[in-house]
Amino acid sequence: MTLMQTYRVTIVMEDGSMGMHEGLYADGFWAICVAMEAFPTARRISAKWLP
């Protein structure tokens, strides 16, 4: 069983617009992978664990 944790994912698009999302993910790598699939043209994607 995988323990899900809350992460804040920040996405910066090519035009400089930015968005954030908080969700449950197995780890930060998976949170970034999901965001990369949803926003393939993003310039930057980061994930921060929220305790």
C-alpha atoms as a PDB file:
ATOM      1  CA  MET A   1       0.000   0.000   0.000  1.00  0.00           C
ATOM      2  CA  THR A   2       1.350   3.430  -0.974  1.00  0.00           C
ATOM      3  CA  LEU A   3       0.917   6.316   1.440  1.00  0.00           C
ATOM      4  CA  MET A   4      -0.397   9.327  -0.452  1.00  0.00           C
ATOM      5  CA  GLN A   5       0.902  12.753   0.550  1.00  0.00           C
ATOM      6  CA  THR A   6      -0.163  16.290  -0.296  1.00  0.00           C
ATOM      7  CA  TYR A   7       1.967  18.215  -2.805  1.00  0.00           C
ATOM      8  CA  ARG A   8       1.643  21.709  -4.239  1.00  0.00           C
ATOM      9  CA  VAL A   9       2.479  21.616  -7.950  1.00  0.00           C
ATOM     10  CA  THR A  10       3.493  24.902  -9.600  1.00  0.00           C
ATOM     11  CA  ILE A  11       3.444  25.199 -13.388  1.00  0.00           C
ATOM     12  CA  VAL A  12       4.911  28.051 -15.460  1.00  0.00           C
ATOM     13  CA  MET A  13       3.887  28.135 -19.111  1.00  0.00           C
ATOM     14  CA  GLU A  14       5.876  29.434 -22.100  1.00  0.00           C
ATOM     15  CA  ASP A  15       4.087  32.807 -22.012  1.00  0.00           C
ATOM     16  CA  GLY A  16       4.967  33.308 -18.328  1.00  0.00           C
ATOM     17  CA  SER A  17       1.514  32.526 -16.940  1.00  0.00           C
ATOM     18  CA  MET A  18       1.569  30.467 -13.761  1.00  0.00           C
ATOM     19  CA  GLY A  19      -0.799  28.100 -11.997  1.00  0.00           C
ATOM     20  CA  MET A  20      -0.785  26.021  -8.818  1.00  0.00           C
ATOM     21  CA  HIS A  21      -2.567  22.870  -7.769  1.00  0.00           C
ATOM     22  CA  GLU A  22      -2.621  20.905  -4.507  1.00  0.00           C
ATOM     23  CA  GLY A  23      -3.278  17.190  -4.670  1.00  0.00           C
ATOM     24  CA  LEU A  24      -2.484  13.759  -3.278  1.00  0.00           C
ATOM     25  CA  TYR A  25       0.427  11.903  -4.887  1.00  0.00           C
ATOM     26  CA  ALA A  26       2.637   8.951  -3.998  1.00  0.00           C
ATOM     27  CA  ASP A  27       5.732  11.202  -4.266  1.00  0.00           C
ATOM     28  CA  GLY A  28       6.978  14.451  -5.785  1.00  0.00           C
ATOM     29  CA  PHE A  29       8.283  12.718  -8.894  1.00  0.00           C
ATOM     30  CA  TRP A  30       4.826  11.327  -9.668  1.00  0.00           C
ATOM     31  CA  ALA A  31       3.248  14.760  -9.083  1.00  0.00           C
ATOM     32  CA  ILE A  32       5.617  16.260 -11.666  1.00  0.00           C
ATOM     33  CA  CYS A  33       5.014  13.404 -14.138  1.00  0.00           C
ATOM     34  CA  VAL A  34       1.249  13.969 -13.983  1.00  0.00           C
ATOM     35  CA  ALA A  35       1.714  17.720 -14.544  1.00  0.00           C
ATOM     36  CA  MET A  36       4.100  17.099 -17.469  1.00  0.00           C
ATOM     37  CA  GLU A  37       1.483  14.922 -19.138  1.00  0.00           C
ATOM     38  CA  ALA A  38      -1.241  17.545 -18.631  1.00  0.00           C
ATOM     39  CA  PHE A  39       0.969  20.530 -19.629  1.00  0.00           C
ATOM     40  CA  PRO A  40       3.585  19.284 -22.133  1.00  0.00           C
ATOM     41  CA  THR A  41       4.595  22.826 -23.195  1.00  0.00           C
ATOM     42  CA  ALA A  42       5.291  24.054 -19.638  1.00  0.00           C
ATOM     43  CA  ARG A  43       8.585  25.865 -19.154  1.00  0.00           C
ATOM     44  CA  ARG A  44       8.908  24.903 -15.478  1.00  0.00           C
ATOM     45  CA  ILE A  45       7.143  22.459 -13.159  1.00  0.00           C
ATOM     46  CA  SER A  46       7.921  22.038  -9.465  1.00  0.00           C
ATOM     47  CA  ALA A  47       6.387  20.062  -6.632  1.00  0.00           C
ATOM     48  CA  LYS A  48       6.603  20.874  -2.926  1.00  0.00           C
ATOM     49  CA  TRP A  49       5.588  18.456  -0.192  1.00  0.00           C
ATOM     50  CA  LEU A  50       3.071  19.923   2.241  1.00  0.00           C
ATOM     51  CA  PRO A  51       3.324  18.339   5.722  1.00  0.00           C
END
